[in-house]
PDB file of N, CA and C in Angstrom:
ATOM      1  N   UNK A   1       8.015 -32.709  43.474  1.00  0.00           N
ATOM      2  CA  UNK A   1       7.780 -31.272  43.606  1.00  0.00           C
ATOM      3  C   UNK A   1       7.641 -30.721  42.274  1.00  0.00           C
ATOM      4  N   UNK A   2       6.458 -30.020  41.903  1.00  0.00           N
ATOM      5  CA  UNK A   2       6.436 -29.493  40.560  1.00  0.00           C
ATOM      6  C   UNK A   2       7.034 -28.220  40.415  1.00  0.00           C
ATOM      7  N   UNK A   3       7.509 -27.928  39.270  1.00  0.00           N
ATOM      8  CA  UNK A   3       8.151 -26.635  39.071  1.00  0.00           C
ATOM      9  C   UNK A   3       7.310 -25.673  38.493  1.00  0.00           C
ATOM     10  N   UNK A   4       7.326 -24.529  39.017  1.00  0.00           N
ATOM     11  CA  UNK A   4       6.538 -23.353  38.412  1.00  0.00           C
ATOM     12  C   UNK A   4       7.343 -22.647  37.253  1.00  0.00           C
ATOM     13  N   UNK A   5       6.641 -22.156  36.246  1.00  0.00           N
ATOM     14  CA  UNK A   5       7.268 -21.564  35.101  1.00  0.00           C
ATOM     15  C   UNK A   5       8.247 -20.485  35.462  1.00  0.00           C
ATOM     16  N   UNK A   6       8.107 -19.871  36.647  1.00  0.00           N
ATOM     17  CA  UNK A   6       9.086 -18.876  37.035  1.00  0.00           C
ATOM     18  C   UNK A   6      10.390 -19.509  37.525  1.00  0.00           C
ATOM     19  N   UNK A   7      10.330 -20.806  37.823  1.00  0.00           N
ATOM     20  CA  UNK A   7      11.520 -21.537  38.197  1.00  0.00           C
ATOM     21  C   UNK A   7      12.469 -21.928  37.042  1.00  0.00           C
ATOM     22  N   UNK A   8      11.992 -21.799  35.822  1.00  0.00           N
ATOM     23  CA  UNK A   8      12.698 -22.196  34.722  1.00  0.00           C
ATOM     24  C   UNK A   8      13.812 -21.039  34.404  1.00  0.00           C
ATOM     25  N   UNK A   9      14.891 -21.531  33.880  1.00  0.00           N
ATOM     26  CA  UNK A   9      15.993 -20.513  33.548  1.00  0.00           C
ATOM     27  C   UNK A   9      15.459 -19.739  32.375  1.00  0.00           C
ATOM     28  N   UNK A  10      15.728 -18.427  32.396  1.00  0.00           N
ATOM     29  CA  UNK A  10      15.289 -17.637  31.283  1.00  0.00           C
ATOM     30  C   UNK A  10      16.053 -17.956  29.958  1.00  0.00           C
ATOM     31  N   UNK A  11      15.572 -17.578  28.901  1.00  0.00           N
ATOM     32  CA  UNK A  11      16.143 -17.814  27.655  1.00  0.00           C
ATOM     33  C   UNK A  11      17.282 -17.023  27.482  1.00  0.00           C
ATOM     34  N   UNK A  12      18.362 -17.503  26.762  1.00  0.00           N
ATOM     35  CA  UNK A  12      19.532 -16.745  26.496  1.00  0.00           C
ATOM     36  C   UNK A  12      19.324 -15.361  25.909  1.00  0.00           C
ATOM     37  N   UNK A  13      20.095 -14.349  26.358  1.00  0.00           N
ATOM     38  CA  UNK A  13      19.861 -13.054  25.835  1.00  0.00           C
ATOM     39  C   UNK A  13      20.144 -13.078  24.317  1.00  0.00           C
ATOM     40  N   UNK A  14      19.287 -12.292  23.609  1.00  0.00           N
ATOM     41  CA  UNK A  14      19.421 -12.154  22.186  1.00  0.00           C
ATOM     42  C   UNK A  14      20.169 -10.802  21.880  1.00  0.00           C
ATOM     43  N   UNK A  15      20.803 -10.180  22.829  1.00  0.00           N
ATOM     44  CA  UNK A  15      21.506  -8.887  22.597  1.00  0.00           C
ATOM     45  C   UNK A  15      20.864  -7.765  23.443  1.00  0.00           C
ATOM     46  N   UNK A  16      21.470  -6.675  23.282  1.00  0.00           N
ATOM     47  CA  UNK A  16      21.130  -5.582  24.257  1.00  0.00           C
ATOM     48  C   UNK A  16      19.766  -5.081  23.834  1.00  0.00           C
ATOM     49  N   UNK A  17      19.254  -5.248  22.655  1.00  0.00           N
ATOM     50  CA  UNK A  17      17.946  -4.610  22.195  1.00  0.00           C
ATOM     51  C   UNK A  17      16.761  -5.640  22.536  1.00  0.00           C
ATOM     52  N   UNK A  18      17.039  -6.775  22.985  1.00  0.00           N
ATOM     53  CA  UNK A  18      16.011  -7.774  23.112  1.00  0.00           C
ATOM     54  C   UNK A  18      15.490  -7.491  24.553  1.00  0.00           C
ATOM     55  N   UNK A  19      14.188  -7.622  24.679  1.00  0.00           N
ATOM     56  CA  UNK A  19      13.460  -7.399  26.008  1.00  0.00           C
ATOM     57  C   UNK A  19      12.449  -8.615  26.100  1.00  0.00           C
ATOM     58  N   UNK A  20      12.415  -9.029  27.252  1.00  0.00           N
ATOM     59  CA  UNK A  20      11.382 -10.055  27.504  1.00  0.00           C
ATOM     60  C   UNK A  20       9.983  -9.491  27.515  1.00  0.00           C
ATOM     61  N   UNK A  21       9.166 -10.290  26.922  1.00  0.00           N
ATOM     62  CA  UNK A  21       7.658  -9.910  26.906  1.00  0.00           C
ATOM     63  C   UNK A  21       7.041 -10.452  28.185  1.00  0.00           C
ATOM     64  N   UNK A  22       6.540  -9.487  29.030  1.00  0.00           N
ATOM     65  CA  UNK A  22       5.962  -9.822  30.320  1.00  0.00           C
ATOM     66  C   UNK A  22       4.603  -9.434  30.477  1.00  0.00           C
ATOM     67  N   UNK A  23       4.042  -8.708  29.566  1.00  0.00           N
ATOM     68  CA  UNK A  23       2.583  -8.155  29.646  1.00  0.00           C
ATOM     69  C   UNK A  23       1.643  -9.016  28.849  1.00  0.00           C
ATOM     70  N   UNK A  24       0.490  -9.125  29.181  1.00  0.00           N
ATOM     71  CA  UNK A  24      -0.513 -10.028  28.361  1.00  0.00           C
ATOM     72  C   UNK A  24      -1.720  -9.074  28.077  1.00  0.00           C
ATOM     73  N   UNK A  25      -2.176  -9.205  26.899  1.00  0.00           N
ATOM     74  CA  UNK A  25      -3.441  -8.618  26.454  1.00  0.00           C
ATOM     75  C   UNK A  25      -4.298  -9.726  25.901  1.00  0.00           C
ATOM     76  N   UNK A  26      -5.560  -9.705  26.317  1.00  0.00           N
ATOM     77  CA  UNK A  26      -6.448 -10.790  25.842  1.00  0.00           C
ATOM     78  C   UNK A  26      -7.799 -10.262  25.526  1.00  0.00           C
ATOM     79  N   UNK A  27      -8.468 -10.963  24.715  1.00  0.00           N
ATOM     80  CA  UNK A  27      -9.857 -10.627  24.358  1.00  0.00           C
ATOM     81  C   UNK A  27     -10.747 -11.840  24.161  1.00  0.00           C
ATOM     82  N   UNK A  28     -12.028 -11.609  23.998  1.00  0.00           N
ATOM     83  CA  UNK A  28     -12.947 -12.730  23.743  1.00  0.00           C
ATOM     84  C   UNK A  28     -13.394 -12.494  22.320  1.00  0.00           C
ATOM     85  N   UNK A  29     -13.456 -13.576  21.644  1.00  0.00           N
ATOM     86  CA  UNK A  29     -13.870 -13.673  20.233  1.00  0.00           C
ATOM     87  C   UNK A  29     -15.072 -14.609  20.019  1.00  0.00           C
ATOM     88  N   UNK A  30     -15.926 -14.294  18.966  1.00  0.00           N
ATOM     89  CA  UNK A  30     -16.857 -15.209  18.498  1.00  0.00           C
ATOM     90  C   UNK A  30     -16.059 -16.343  17.846  1.00  0.00           C
ATOM     91  N   UNK A  31     -16.771 -17.396  17.669  1.00  0.00           N
ATOM     92  CA  UNK A  31     -16.132 -18.512  16.762  1.00  0.00           C
ATOM     93  C   UNK A  31     -15.812 -18.130  15.482  1.00  0.00           C
ATOM     94  N   UNK A  32     -16.619 -17.288  14.804  1.00  0.00           N
ATOM     95  CA  UNK A  32     -16.376 -16.759  13.494  1.00  0.00           C
ATOM     96  C   UNK A  32     -15.172 -15.898  13.450  1.00  0.00           C
ATOM     97  N   UNK A  33     -15.060 -14.929  14.428  1.00  0.00           N
ATOM     98  CA  UNK A  33     -13.916 -14.129  14.657  1.00  0.00           C
ATOM     99  C   UNK A  33     -12.589 -14.840  14.811  1.00  0.00           C
ATOM    100  N   UNK A  34     -12.687 -15.917  15.686  1.00  0.00           N
ATOM    101  CA  UNK A  34     -11.587 -16.668  15.936  1.00  0.00           C
ATOM    102  C   UNK A  34     -11.090 -17.456  14.726  1.00  0.00           C
ATOM    103  N   UNK A  35     -12.030 -17.935  13.903  1.00  0.00           N
ATOM    104  CA  UNK A  35     -11.664 -18.624  12.611  1.00  0.00           C
ATOM    105  C   UNK A  35     -10.998 -17.753  11.722  1.00  0.00           C
ATOM    106  N   UNK A  36     -11.547 -16.449  11.625  1.00  0.00           N
ATOM    107  CA  UNK A  36     -11.023 -15.408  10.684  1.00  0.00           C
ATOM    108  C   UNK A  36      -9.558 -15.230  11.047  1.00  0.00           C
ATOM    109  N   UNK A  37      -9.267 -15.030  12.411  1.00  0.00           N
ATOM    110  CA  UNK A  37      -7.928 -14.662  12.811  1.00  0.00           C
ATOM    111  C   UNK A  37      -7.063 -15.874  12.644  1.00  0.00           C
ATOM    112  N   UNK A  38      -7.369 -17.051  12.786  1.00  0.00           N
ATOM    113  CA  UNK A  38      -6.566 -18.197  12.658  1.00  0.00           C
ATOM    114  C   UNK A  38      -6.251 -18.307  11.129  1.00  0.00           C
ATOM    115  N   UNK A  39      -7.207 -17.958  10.232  1.00  0.00           N
ATOM    116  CA  UNK A  39      -6.966 -17.900   8.739  1.00  0.00           C
ATOM    117  C   UNK A  39      -5.901 -16.923   8.349  1.00  0.00           C
ATOM    118  N   UNK A  40      -6.102 -15.684   8.950  1.00  0.00           N
ATOM    119  CA  UNK A  40      -5.140 -14.586   8.655  1.00  0.00           C
ATOM    120  C   UNK A  40      -3.829 -14.862   9.280  1.00  0.00           C
ATOM    121  N   UNK A  41      -3.769 -15.673  10.326  1.00  0.00           N
ATOM    122  CA  UNK A  41      -2.432 -15.883  10.873  1.00  0.00           C
ATOM    123  C   UNK A  41      -1.535 -16.690  10.022  1.00  0.00           C
ATOM    124  N   UNK A  42      -2.177 -17.688   9.286  1.00  0.00           N
ATOM    125  CA  UNK A  42      -1.423 -18.440   8.378  1.00  0.00           C
ATOM    126  C   UNK A  42      -0.590 -19.550   9.203  1.00  0.00           C
ATOM    127  N   UNK A  43       0.734 -19.486   8.907  1.00  0.00           N
ATOM    128  CA  UNK A  43       1.546 -20.489   9.472  1.00  0.00           C
ATOM    129  C   UNK A  43       2.116 -19.989  10.872  1.00  0.00           C
ATOM    130  N   UNK A  44       1.892 -18.636  11.164  1.00  0.00           N
ATOM    131  CA  UNK A  44       2.415 -18.204  12.413  1.00  0.00           C
ATOM    132  C   UNK A  44       1.404 -18.507  13.531  1.00  0.00           C
ATOM    133  N   UNK A  45       1.889 -18.428  14.729  1.00  0.00           N
ATOM    134  CA  UNK A  45       1.052 -18.811  15.871  1.00  0.00           C
ATOM    135  C   UNK A  45       0.029 -17.589  15.952  1.00  0.00           C
ATOM    136  N   UNK A  46      -1.141 -17.875  16.501  1.00  0.00           N
ATOM    137  CA  UNK A  46      -2.107 -16.729  16.650  1.00  0.00           C
ATOM    138  C   UNK A  46      -1.755 -15.654  17.545  1.00  0.00           C
ATOM    139  N   UNK A  47      -0.940 -16.018  18.504  1.00  0.00           N
ATOM    140  CA  UNK A  47      -0.322 -14.959  19.454  1.00  0.00           C
ATOM    141  C   UNK A  47       0.661 -14.153  18.611  1.00  0.00           C
ATOM    142  N   UNK A  48       1.483 -14.659  17.845  1.00  0.00           N
ATOM    143  CA  UNK A  48       2.419 -13.943  17.111  1.00  0.00           C
ATOM    144  C   UNK A  48       1.809 -12.969  16.204  1.00  0.00           C
ATOM    145  N   UNK A  49       0.821 -13.601  15.421  1.00  0.00           N
ATOM    146  CA  UNK A  49       0.110 -12.805  14.410  1.00  0.00           C
ATOM    147  C   UNK A  49      -0.631 -11.543  15.064  1.00  0.00           C
ATOM    148  N   UNK A  50      -1.269 -11.848  16.291  1.00  0.00           N
ATOM    149  CA  UNK A  50      -2.097 -10.866  16.903  1.00  0.00           C
ATOM    150  C   UNK A  50      -1.087  -9.737  17.460  1.00  0.00           C
ATOM    151  N   UNK A  51       0.022 -10.092  17.950  1.00  0.00           N
ATOM    152  CA  UNK A  51       1.092  -9.123  18.395  1.00  0.00           C
ATOM    153  C   UNK A  51       1.438  -8.210  17.233  1.00  0.00           C
ATOM    154  N   UNK A  52       1.744  -8.793  16.106  1.00  0.00           N
ATOM    155  CA  UNK A  52       2.170  -8.035  15.050  1.00  0.00           C
ATOM    156  C   UNK A  52       1.116  -7.082  14.426  1.00  0.00           C
ATOM    157  N   UNK A  53      -0.191  -7.501  14.483  1.00  0.00           N
ATOM    158  CA  UNK A  53      -1.308  -6.706  13.968  1.00  0.00           C
ATOM    159  C   UNK A  53      -1.598  -5.690  14.997  1.00  0.00           C
ATOM    160  N   UNK A  54      -1.541  -5.982  16.315  1.00  0.00           N
ATOM    161  CA  UNK A  54      -1.769  -5.005  17.306  1.00  0.00           C
ATOM    162  C   UNK A  54      -0.782  -3.870  17.354  1.00  0.00           C
ATOM    163  N   UNK A  55       0.520  -4.256  17.264  1.00  0.00           N
ATOM    164  CA  UNK A  55       1.587  -3.222  17.341  1.00  0.00           C
ATOM    165  C   UNK A  55       1.608  -2.383  15.970  1.00  0.00           C
ATOM    166  N   UNK A  56       1.289  -3.046  14.809  1.00  0.00           N
ATOM    167  CA  UNK A  56       1.193  -2.301  13.642  1.00  0.00           C
ATOM    168  C   UNK A  56       0.133  -1.249  13.748  1.00  0.00           C
ATOM    169  N   UNK A  57      -1.072  -1.642  14.227  1.00  0.00           N
ATOM    170  CA  UNK A  57      -2.151  -0.653  14.451  1.00  0.00           C
ATOM    171  C   UNK A  57      -1.762   0.439  15.400  1.00  0.00           C
ATOM    172  N   UNK A  58      -1.011   0.217  16.439  1.00  0.00           N
ATOM    173  CA  UNK A  58      -0.625   1.178  17.387  1.00  0.00           C
ATOM    174  C   UNK A  58       0.437   2.172  16.847  1.00  0.00           C
ATOM    175  N   UNK A  59       1.194   1.720  15.974  1.00  0.00           N
ATOM    176  CA  UNK A  59       2.443   2.605  15.475  1.00  0.00           C
ATOM    177  C   UNK A  59       2.295   3.105  14.178  1.00  0.00           C
ATOM    178  N   UNK A  60       1.384   2.732  13.408  1.00  0.00           N
ATOM    179  CA  UNK A  60       1.190   3.303  12.049  1.00  0.00           C
ATOM    180  C   UNK A  60       0.021   4.142  11.994  1.00  0.00           C
ATOM    181  N   UNK A  61       0.045   5.152  11.039  1.00  0.00           N
ATOM    182  CA  UNK A  61      -1.105   5.908  10.850  1.00  0.00           C
ATOM    183  C   UNK A  61      -1.993   5.106   9.921  1.00  0.00           C
ATOM    184  N   UNK A  62      -3.289   5.152  10.316  1.00  0.00           N
ATOM    185  CA  UNK A  62      -4.281   4.485   9.400  1.00  0.00           C
ATOM    186  C   UNK A  62      -4.238   5.164   7.997  1.00  0.00           C
ATOM    187  N   UNK A  63      -4.444   4.400   7.023  1.00  0.00           N
ATOM    188  CA  UNK A  63      -4.460   4.913   5.564  1.00  0.00           C
ATOM    189  C   UNK A  63      -5.465   5.931   5.435  1.00  0.00           C
ATOM    190  N   UNK A  64      -6.546   5.724   6.174  1.00  0.00           N
ATOM    191  CA  UNK A  64      -7.726   6.721   6.110  1.00  0.00           C
ATOM    192  C   UNK A  64      -7.186   8.265   6.451  1.00  0.00           C
ATOM    193  N   UNK A  65      -6.452   8.194   7.482  1.00  0.00           N
ATOM    194  CA  UNK A  65      -5.914   9.549   8.059  1.00  0.00           C
ATOM    195  C   UNK A  65      -5.039  10.138   6.971  1.00  0.00           C
ATOM    196  N   UNK A  66      -4.141   9.342   6.235  1.00  0.00           N
ATOM    197  CA  UNK A  66      -3.289   9.863   5.302  1.00  0.00           C
ATOM    198  C   UNK A  66      -4.101  10.383   4.015  1.00  0.00           C
ATOM    199  N   UNK A  67      -5.102   9.524   3.716  1.00  0.00           N
ATOM    200  CA  UNK A  67      -5.870  10.031   2.599  1.00  0.00           C
ATOM    201  C   UNK A  67      -6.708  11.180   2.898  1.00  0.00           C
ATOM    202  N   UNK A  68      -7.240  11.424   4.173  1.00  0.00           N
ATOM    203  CA  UNK A  68      -7.853  12.499   4.497  1.00  0.00           C
ATOM    204  C   UNK A  68      -6.925  13.734   4.541  1.00  0.00           C
ATOM    205  N   UNK A  69      -5.768  13.499   4.987  1.00  0.00           N
ATOM    206  CA  UNK A  69      -4.740  14.641   4.996  1.00  0.00           C
ATOM    207  C   UNK A  69      -4.455  15.182   3.505  1.00  0.00           C
ATOM    208  N   UNK A  70      -4.396  14.220   2.534  1.00  0.00           N
ATOM    209  CA  UNK A  70      -4.166  14.568   1.118  1.00  0.00           C
ATOM    210  C   UNK A  70      -5.379  15.336   0.589  1.00  0.00           C
ATOM    211  N   UNK A  71      -6.623  14.878   0.873  1.00  0.00           N
ATOM    212  CA  UNK A  71      -7.716  15.547   0.479  1.00  0.00           C
ATOM    213  C   UNK A  71      -7.948  16.916   1.019  1.00  0.00           C
ATOM    214  N   UNK A  72      -7.619  17.076   2.315  1.00  0.00           N
ATOM    215  CA  UNK A  72      -7.786  18.362   2.968  1.00  0.00           C
ATOM    216  C   UNK A  72      -6.663  19.347   2.299  1.00  0.00           C
ATOM    217  N   UNK A  73      -5.514  18.857   1.979  1.00  0.00           N
ATOM    218  CA  UNK A  73      -4.493  19.739   1.289  1.00  0.00           C
ATOM    219  C   UNK A  73      -4.916  20.108   0.019  1.00  0.00           C
ATOM    220  N   UNK A  74      -5.522  19.155  -0.732  1.00  0.00           N
ATOM    221  CA  UNK A  74      -6.020  19.449  -2.010  1.00  0.00           C
ATOM    222  C   UNK A  74      -7.293  20.564  -1.887  1.00  0.00           C
ATOM    223  N   UNK A  75      -8.012  20.386  -0.991  1.00  0.00           N
ATOM    224  CA  UNK A  75      -9.148  21.204  -0.793  1.00  0.00           C
ATOM    225  C   UNK A  75      -8.625  22.613  -0.516  1.00  0.00           C
ATOM    226  N   UNK A  76      -7.695  22.727   0.364  1.00  0.00           N
ATOM    227  CA  UNK A  76      -7.091  24.058   0.623  1.00  0.00           C
ATOM    228  C   UNK A  76      -6.565  24.683  -0.618  1.00  0.00           C
ATOM    229  N   UNK A  77      -5.729  23.875  -1.343  1.00  0.00           N
ATOM    230  CA  UNK A  77      -5.285  24.451  -2.656  1.00  0.00           C
ATOM    231  C   UNK A  77      -6.319  24.975  -3.522  1.00  0.00           C
ATOM    232  N   UNK A  78      -7.234  24.193  -3.830  1.00  0.00           N
ATOM    233  CA  UNK A  78      -8.297  24.482  -4.747  1.00  0.00           C
ATOM    234  C   UNK A  78      -9.156  25.590  -4.398  1.00  0.00           C
ATOM    235  N   UNK A  79      -9.538  25.572  -3.097  1.00  0.00           N
ATOM    236  CA  UNK A  79     -10.379  26.758  -2.627  1.00  0.00           C
ATOM    237  C   UNK A  79      -9.663  28.052  -2.788  1.00  0.00           C
ATOM    238  N   UNK A  80      -8.347  28.022  -2.333  1.00  0.00           N
ATOM    239  CA  UNK A  80      -7.566  29.284  -2.330  1.00  0.00           C
ATOM    240  C   UNK A  80      -7.313  29.780  -3.815  1.00  0.00           C
ATOM    241  N   UNK A  81      -7.035  28.804  -4.731  1.00  0.00           N
ATOM    242  CA  UNK A  81      -6.759  29.227  -6.028  1.00  0.00           C
ATOM    243  C   UNK A  81      -8.147  29.801  -6.656  1.00  0.00           C
ATOM    244  N   UNK A  82      -9.226  29.055  -6.360  1.00  0.00           N
ATOM    245  CA  UNK A  82     -10.514  29.502  -6.801  1.00  0.00           C
ATOM    246  C   UNK A  82     -10.880  30.948  -6.360  1.00  0.00           C
ATOM    247  N   UNK A  83     -10.616  31.199  -5.062  1.00  0.00           N
ATOM    248  CA  UNK A  83     -10.922  32.599  -4.539  1.00  0.00           C
ATOM    249  C   UNK A  83      -9.903  33.608  -5.104  1.00  0.00           C
ATOM    250  N   UNK A  84      -8.706  33.238  -5.327  1.00  0.00           N
ATOM    251  CA  UNK A  84      -7.756  34.176  -5.843  1.00  0.00           C
ATOM    252  C   UNK A  84      -8.179  34.538  -7.322  1.00  0.00           C
ATOM    253  N   UNK A  85      -8.461  33.501  -8.121  1.00  0.00           N
ATOM    254  CA  UNK A  85      -8.848  33.715  -9.574  1.00  0.00           C
ATOM    255  C   UNK A  85     -10.076  34.488  -9.663  1.00  0.00           C
ATOM    256  N   UNK A  86     -11.041  34.313  -8.664  1.00  0.00           N
ATOM    257  CA  UNK A  86     -12.282  35.012  -8.661  1.00  0.00           C
ATOM    258  C   UNK A  86     -12.087  36.342  -8.285  1.00  0.00           C
ATOM    259  N   UNK A  87     -11.039  36.739  -7.532  1.00  0.00           N
ATOM    260  CA  UNK A  87     -10.753  38.053  -7.140  1.00  0.00           C
ATOM    261  C   UNK A  87      -9.853  38.796  -8.203  1.00  0.00           C
ATOM    262  N   UNK A  88      -9.630  38.165  -9.242  1.00  0.00           N
ATOM    263  CA  UNK A  88      -8.693  38.719 -10.368  1.00  0.00           C
ATOM    264  C   UNK A  88      -7.275  38.631 -10.066  1.00  0.00           C
ATOM    265  N   UNK A  89      -6.904  37.898  -9.098  1.00  0.00           N
ATOM    266  CA  UNK A  89      -5.468  37.890  -8.741  1.00  0.00           C
ATOM    267  C   UNK A  89      -4.643  36.964  -9.779  1.00  0.00           C
ATOM    268  N   UNK A  90      -3.435  37.262 -10.027  1.00  0.00           N
ATOM    269  CA  UNK A  90      -2.493  36.394 -10.803  1.00  0.00           C
ATOM    270  C   UNK A  90      -1.782  35.437 -10.031  1.00  0.00           C
ATOM    271  N   UNK A  91      -1.822  34.183 -10.450  1.00  0.00           N
ATOM    272  CA  UNK A  91      -1.097  33.173  -9.652  1.00  0.00           C
ATOM    273  C   UNK A  91       0.220  32.926 -10.245  1.00  0.00           C
ATOM    274  N   UNK A  92       1.298  33.289  -9.616  1.00  0.00           N
ATOM    275  CA  UNK A  92       2.636  33.094 -10.019  1.00  0.00           C
ATOM    276  C   UNK A  92       3.158  31.679  -9.499  1.00  0.00           C
ATOM    277  N   UNK A  93       4.159  31.214 -10.197  1.00  0.00           N
ATOM    278  CA  UNK A  93       4.672  29.912  -9.752  1.00  0.00           C
ATOM    279  C   UNK A  93       5.204  30.050  -8.171  1.00  0.00           C
ATOM    280  N   UNK A  94       5.786  31.166  -7.903  1.00  0.00           N
ATOM    281  CA  UNK A  94       6.144  31.356  -6.416  1.00  0.00           C
ATOM    282  C   UNK A  94       5.111  31.270  -5.495  1.00  0.00           C
ATOM    283  N   UNK A  95       3.978  31.917  -5.708  1.00  0.00           N
ATOM    284  CA  UNK A  95       2.736  31.905  -4.878  1.00  0.00           C
ATOM    285  C   UNK A  95       2.180  30.545  -4.947  1.00  0.00           C
ATOM    286  N   UNK A  96       2.085  29.823  -5.969  1.00  0.00           N
ATOM    287  CA  UNK A  96       1.573  28.415  -6.001  1.00  0.00           C
ATOM    288  C   UNK A  96       2.398  27.556  -5.192  1.00  0.00           C
ATOM    289  N   UNK A  97       3.703  27.728  -5.267  1.00  0.00           N
ATOM    290  CA  UNK A  97       4.609  26.875  -4.366  1.00  0.00           C
ATOM    291  C   UNK A  97       4.382  27.060  -2.837  1.00  0.00           C
ATOM    292  N   UNK A  98       4.270  28.360  -2.600  1.00  0.00           N
ATOM    293  CA  UNK A  98       3.965  28.704  -1.112  1.00  0.00           C
ATOM    294  C   UNK A  98       2.672  28.152  -0.676  1.00  0.00           C
ATOM    295  N   UNK A  99       1.706  28.116  -1.570  1.00  0.00           N
ATOM    296  CA  UNK A  99       0.354  27.664  -1.213  1.00  0.00           C
ATOM    297  C   UNK A  99       0.525  26.136  -1.044  1.00  0.00           C
ATOM    298  N   UNK A 100       1.145  25.488  -1.907  1.00  0.00           N
ATOM    299  CA  UNK A 100       1.336  23.981  -1.741  1.00  0.00           C
ATOM    300  C   UNK A 100       2.157  23.612  -0.523  1.00  0.00           C
ATOM    301  N   UNK A 101       3.170  24.444  -0.276  1.00  0.00           N
ATOM    302  CA  UNK A 101       3.967  24.183   1.036  1.00  0.00           C
ATOM    303  C   UNK A 101       3.187  24.345   2.247  1.00  0.00           C
ATOM    304  N   UNK A 102       2.293  25.479   2.113  1.00  0.00           N
ATOM    305  CA  UNK A 102       1.488  25.624   3.447  1.00  0.00           C
ATOM    306  C   UNK A 102       0.368  24.538   3.636  1.00  0.00           C
ATOM    307  N   UNK A 103      -0.184  24.094   2.430  1.00  0.00           N
ATOM    308  CA  UNK A 103      -1.236  22.991   2.559  1.00  0.00           C
ATOM    309  C   UNK A 103      -0.518  21.705   3.040  1.00  0.00           C
ATOM    310  N   UNK A 104       0.616  21.486   2.548  1.00  0.00           N
ATOM    311  CA  UNK A 104       1.418  20.217   2.991  1.00  0.00           C
ATOM    312  C   UNK A 104       1.821  20.278   4.436  1.00  0.00           C
ATOM    313  N   UNK A 105       2.142  21.553   4.954  1.00  0.00           N
ATOM    314  CA  UNK A 105       2.518  21.674   6.324  1.00  0.00           C
ATOM    315  C   UNK A 105       1.397  21.438   7.272  1.00  0.00           C
ATOM    316  N   UNK A 106       0.181  21.765   6.768  1.00  0.00           N
ATOM    317  CA  UNK A 106      -0.953  21.828   7.658  1.00  0.00           C
ATOM    318  C   UNK A 106      -1.845  20.577   7.590  1.00  0.00           C
ATOM    319  N   UNK A 107      -1.621  19.748   6.539  1.00  0.00           N
ATOM    320  CA  UNK A 107      -2.507  18.670   6.242  1.00  0.00           C
ATOM    321  C   UNK A 107      -2.620  17.561   7.330  1.00  0.00           C
ATOM    322  N   UNK A 108      -1.542  17.125   7.924  1.00  0.00           N
ATOM    323  CA  UNK A 108      -1.619  16.157   8.910  1.00  0.00           C
ATOM    324  C   UNK A 108      -2.379  16.641  10.165  1.00  0.00           C
ATOM    325  N   UNK A 109      -2.020  17.980  10.618  1.00  0.00           N
ATOM    326  CA  UNK A 109      -2.578  18.489  11.730  1.00  0.00           C
ATOM    327  C   UNK A 109      -4.156  18.473  11.627  1.00  0.00           C
ATOM    328  N   UNK A 110      -4.584  19.043  10.364  1.00  0.00           N
ATOM    329  CA  UNK A 110      -5.953  19.211  10.058  1.00  0.00           C
ATOM    330  C   UNK A 110      -6.557  17.787  10.123  1.00  0.00           C
ATOM    331  N   UNK A 111      -5.951  16.790   9.391  1.00  0.00           N
ATOM    332  CA  UNK A 111      -6.588  15.417   9.428  1.00  0.00           C
ATOM    333  C   UNK A 111      -6.779  14.945  10.927  1.00  0.00           C
ATOM    334  N   UNK A 112      -5.792  15.009  11.665  1.00  0.00           N
ATOM    335  CA  UNK A 112      -5.826  14.618  13.044  1.00  0.00           C
ATOM    336  C   UNK A 112      -7.030  15.304  13.846  1.00  0.00           C
ATOM    337  N   UNK A 113      -7.061  16.596  13.603  1.00  0.00           N
ATOM    338  CA  UNK A 113      -8.210  17.267  14.289  1.00  0.00           C
ATOM    339  C   UNK A 113      -9.506  16.870  13.841  1.00  0.00           C
ATOM    340  N   UNK A 114      -9.680  16.526  12.452  1.00  0.00           N
ATOM    341  CA  UNK A 114     -10.934  16.048  11.977  1.00  0.00           C
ATOM    342  C   UNK A 114     -11.218  14.671  12.612  1.00  0.00           C
ATOM    343  N   UNK A 115     -10.220  13.827  12.506  1.00  0.00           N
ATOM    344  CA  UNK A 115     -10.421  12.312  12.953  1.00  0.00           C
ATOM    345  C   UNK A 115     -10.821  12.401  14.580  1.00  0.00           C
ATOM    346  N   UNK A 116     -10.078  13.303  15.247  1.00  0.00           N
ATOM    347  CA  UNK A 116     -10.312  13.493  16.723  1.00  0.00           C
ATOM    348  C   UNK A 116     -11.790  13.987  16.950  1.00  0.00           C
ATOM    349  N   UNK A 117     -12.253  14.974  16.152  1.00  0.00           N
ATOM    350  CA  UNK A 117     -13.583  15.483  16.262  1.00  0.00           C
ATOM    351  C   UNK A 117     -14.528  14.402  15.916  1.00  0.00           C
ATOM    352  N   UNK A 118     -14.264  13.513  14.978  1.00  0.00           N
ATOM    353  CA  UNK A 118     -15.139  12.519  14.561  1.00  0.00           C
ATOM    354  C   UNK A 118     -15.185  11.406  15.581  1.00  0.00           C
ATOM    355  N   UNK A 119     -14.170  11.108  16.443  1.00  0.00           N
ATOM    356  CA  UNK A 119     -14.175  10.003  17.406  1.00  0.00           C
ATOM    357  C   UNK A 119     -14.467  10.574  18.751  1.00  0.00           C
ATOM    358  N   UNK A 120     -14.627  11.809  19.052  1.00  0.00           N
ATOM    359  CA  UNK A 120     -14.882  12.383  20.355  1.00  0.00           C
ATOM    360  C   UNK A 120     -16.305  12.326  20.584  1.00  0.00           C
ATOM    361  N   UNK A 121     -16.781  11.528  21.604  1.00  0.00           N
ATOM    362  CA  UNK A 121     -18.232  11.480  22.015  1.00  0.00           C
ATOM    363  C   UNK A 121     -18.485  12.458  23.049  1.00  0.00           C
ATOM    364  N   UNK A 122     -19.604  13.131  22.862  1.00  0.00           N
ATOM    365  CA  UNK A 122     -20.091  14.067  23.819  1.00  0.00           C
ATOM    366  C   UNK A 122     -21.354  13.528  24.647  1.00  0.00           C
ATOM    367  N   UNK A 123     -21.436  13.624  25.832  1.00  0.00           N
ATOM    368  CA  UNK A 123     -22.597  13.163  26.450  1.00  0.00           C
ATOM    369  C   UNK A 123     -23.868  13.818  26.170  1.00  0.00           C
ATOM    370  N   UNK A 124     -24.944  13.033  25.938  1.00  0.00           N
ATOM    371  CA  UNK A 124     -26.277  13.698  25.528  1.00  0.00           C
ATOM    372  C   UNK A 124     -26.799  14.658  26.539  1.00  0.00           C
TER     373      UNK A 124
END
């Protein structure tokens, strides 16, 4: 009588934070893509490497979004300063700090909105 993998005893618990991986994600790759993934995996198994890459992509902000946020904050500051100077206003250190604080507070929201606008497809 052959044993099914479900008949095997489970691995010993690694602590209260350890959870068993029970879900599977798969994809089809070209030979070239597969070779690239194997190369990137190095000494790790392909599955371990793919899990790390997938989870990193799902939990971290892409660098592009962070860079966009900084550019948008800088744009806000430059345009506001340019407009204020053009109107003959004097920029005090307190006013500049409030402007910087406002730009920093809004930059991630603005970047997310821009990214969402760029990835949202509308039907023709």
